[in-house]
């Protein structure tokens, strides 16, 4: 991946950030973006096929979204799919508070994360549908 290709992917993400932050009311959050070219990891484990991962600290309204630029580029993810991924990752910021942080069994923690993934996917779709409906009504 060239530097130019890397920058193209970063700009696609930044464009989404600019629009969705206002739409979702994320101005109160300090959200850091990390753009990873090689060696993408999630929770300390290699995850070369994962496009993005979000870690949030709801107590302080801080979050970090890591983007695996190589996976984003190699999977040839279109703008619409990237927007869905972006909104999904932001939803993790909102629902992170439901993780109570208590010591759970590995299975319970895995199950809870699976439910969180489904909730974030559904919320992302709901926000995208709402945006699309508003845009259609505005044109009518």
Protein backbone atom coordinates (compact mmCIF):
# COMPACT_ATOMS: atom_id res chain seq x y z
CA UNK A 1 0.00 0.00 0.00
CA UNK A 2 1.40 3.36 -1.02
CA UNK A 3 1.23 6.50 1.08
CA UNK A 4 -1.25 7.94 -1.43
CA UNK A 5 -3.57 4.90 -1.10
CA UNK A 6 -3.30 5.15 2.69
CA UNK A 7 -4.30 8.84 2.59
CA UNK A 8 -7.28 8.14 0.30
CA UNK A 9 -8.71 5.71 2.85
CA UNK A 10 -8.11 8.12 5.75
CA UNK A 11 -9.94 10.89 3.86
CA UNK A 12 -12.95 8.61 3.30
CA UNK A 13 -13.17 8.04 7.05
CA UNK A 14 -12.69 11.72 7.88
CA UNK A 15 -15.54 12.68 5.55
CA UNK A 16 -17.86 10.33 7.45
CA UNK A 17 -16.64 11.64 10.79
CA UNK A 18 -17.47 15.22 9.86
CA UNK A 19 -21.06 14.41 8.94
CA UNK A 20 -21.94 11.79 11.57
CA UNK A 21 -20.48 13.58 14.60
CA UNK A 22 -23.04 16.34 14.35
CA UNK A 23 -25.88 14.04 13.37
CA UNK A 24 -25.27 11.77 16.37
CA UNK A 25 -24.37 14.43 18.93
CA UNK A 26 -20.84 13.20 19.53
CA UNK A 27 -19.39 16.64 20.16
CA UNK A 28 -19.08 15.93 23.87
CA UNK A 29 -16.81 12.97 23.29
CA UNK A 30 -13.05 13.04 22.79
CA UNK A 31 -12.63 10.48 20.03
CA UNK A 32 -9.18 9.55 18.82
CA UNK A 33 -8.62 7.89 15.48
CA UNK A 34 -5.75 5.52 14.90
CA UNK A 35 -5.03 4.58 11.31
CA UNK A 36 -3.07 1.33 11.24
CA UNK A 37 -1.21 0.28 8.12
CA UNK A 38 0.26 -3.04 9.33
CA UNK A 39 -0.04 -5.33 12.33
CA UNK A 40 -3.67 -4.57 13.24
CA UNK A 41 -4.65 -6.04 16.61
CA UNK A 42 -7.86 -6.27 18.61
CA UNK A 43 -7.49 -6.86 22.34
CA UNK A 44 -3.84 -7.83 21.88
CA UNK A 45 -4.48 -10.42 19.19
CA UNK A 46 -3.66 -10.10 15.51
CA UNK A 47 -6.76 -9.30 13.47
CA UNK A 48 -5.67 -8.70 9.88
CA UNK A 49 -9.20 -9.07 8.46
CA UNK A 50 -10.92 -6.76 10.95
CA UNK A 51 -11.61 -3.34 9.44
CA UNK A 52 -12.14 -1.37 12.66
CA UNK A 53 -12.26 -1.69 16.41
CA UNK A 54 -13.59 0.70 19.04
CA UNK A 55 -12.61 1.08 22.68
CA UNK A 56 -14.54 3.53 24.83
CA UNK A 57 -14.34 4.78 28.38
CA UNK A 58 -17.87 6.00 29.01
CA UNK A 59 -16.93 7.48 32.40
CA UNK A 60 -14.81 10.18 30.78
CA UNK A 61 -16.40 10.36 27.32
CA UNK A 62 -13.19 9.18 25.67
CA UNK A 63 -13.01 6.69 22.83
CA UNK A 64 -10.53 5.38 20.30
CA UNK A 65 -11.48 3.97 16.94
CA UNK A 66 -8.74 2.02 15.22
CA UNK A 67 -8.93 1.59 11.47
CA UNK A 68 -7.15 -1.22 9.67
CA UNK A 69 -6.37 0.68 6.50
CA UNK A 70 -4.84 -2.33 4.77
CA UNK A 71 -8.01 -4.42 5.30
CA UNK A 72 -10.20 -1.50 4.26
CA UNK A 73 -8.21 -1.12 1.05
CA UNK A 74 -7.75 -4.82 0.24
CA UNK A 75 -11.43 -5.69 0.71
CA UNK A 76 -12.41 -2.97 -1.76
CA UNK A 77 -15.07 -1.66 0.58
CA UNK A 78 -17.34 0.83 -1.14
CA UNK A 79 -18.50 4.10 0.37
CA UNK A 80 -21.90 2.78 1.46
CA UNK A 81 -20.40 -0.25 3.21
CA UNK A 82 -17.73 1.92 4.87
CA UNK A 83 -20.43 4.24 6.16
CA UNK A 84 -22.22 1.27 7.70
CA UNK A 85 -18.99 0.14 9.36
CA UNK A 86 -18.30 3.67 10.59
CA UNK A 87 -21.73 4.10 12.18
CA UNK A 88 -21.50 0.58 13.68
CA UNK A 89 -18.20 1.47 15.36
CA UNK A 90 -19.64 4.70 16.73
CA UNK A 91 -22.55 2.75 18.21
CA UNK A 92 -20.00 0.89 20.36
CA UNK A 93 -19.25 4.25 21.97
CA UNK A 94 -22.89 4.61 23.01
CA UNK A 95 -23.44 1.07 24.30
CA UNK A 96 -20.05 0.56 25.98
CA UNK A 97 -21.50 1.69 29.29
CA UNK A 98 -23.51 -1.53 29.49
CA UNK A 99 -20.33 -3.51 30.03
CA UNK A 100 -20.16 -3.59 33.78
CA UNK A 101 -16.48 -4.52 34.00
CA UNK A 102 -17.07 -7.23 36.59
CA UNK A 103 -15.16 -10.47 36.32
CA UNK A 104 -17.21 -12.79 34.17
CA UNK A 105 -16.51 -16.16 32.73
CA UNK A 106 -14.92 -16.09 29.30
CA UNK A 107 -18.07 -17.57 27.79
CA UNK A 108 -20.36 -14.98 29.38
CA UNK A 109 -18.07 -12.17 28.24
CA UNK A 110 -17.97 -13.59 24.69
CA UNK A 111 -21.76 -13.91 24.65
CA UNK A 112 -22.17 -10.34 25.92
CA UNK A 113 -19.84 -9.04 23.22
CA UNK A 114 -21.77 -10.98 20.56
CA UNK A 115 -24.99 -9.31 21.75
CA UNK A 116 -23.27 -5.92 21.74
CA UNK A 117 -22.16 -6.49 18.14
CA UNK A 118 -25.72 -7.27 17.08
CA UNK A 119 -27.12 -4.24 18.91
CA UNK A 120 -24.51 -1.96 17.30
CA UNK A 121 -25.30 -3.35 13.86
CA UNK A 122 -29.03 -2.79 14.36
CA UNK A 123 -28.57 0.72 15.74
CA UNK A 124 -26.26 1.61 12.84
CA UNK A 125 -28.86 0.40 10.34
CA UNK A 126 -31.58 2.37 12.16
CA UNK A 127 -29.58 5.60 11.99
CA UNK A 128 -28.74 5.04 8.33
CA UNK A 129 -32.38 4.33 7.49
CA UNK A 130 -33.47 7.43 9.42
CA UNK A 131 -30.96 9.58 7.56
CA UNK A 132 -32.03 8.17 4.18
CA UNK A 133 -35.72 8.74 4.97
CA UNK A 134 -35.05 12.34 6.01
CA UNK A 135 -33.09 12.99 2.82
CA UNK A 136 -35.89 11.54 0.66
CA UNK A 137 -38.52 13.63 2.44
CA UNK A 138 -36.39 16.76 2.07
CA UNK A 139 -36.22 16.22 -1.70
CA UNK A 140 -39.99 15.63 -2.00
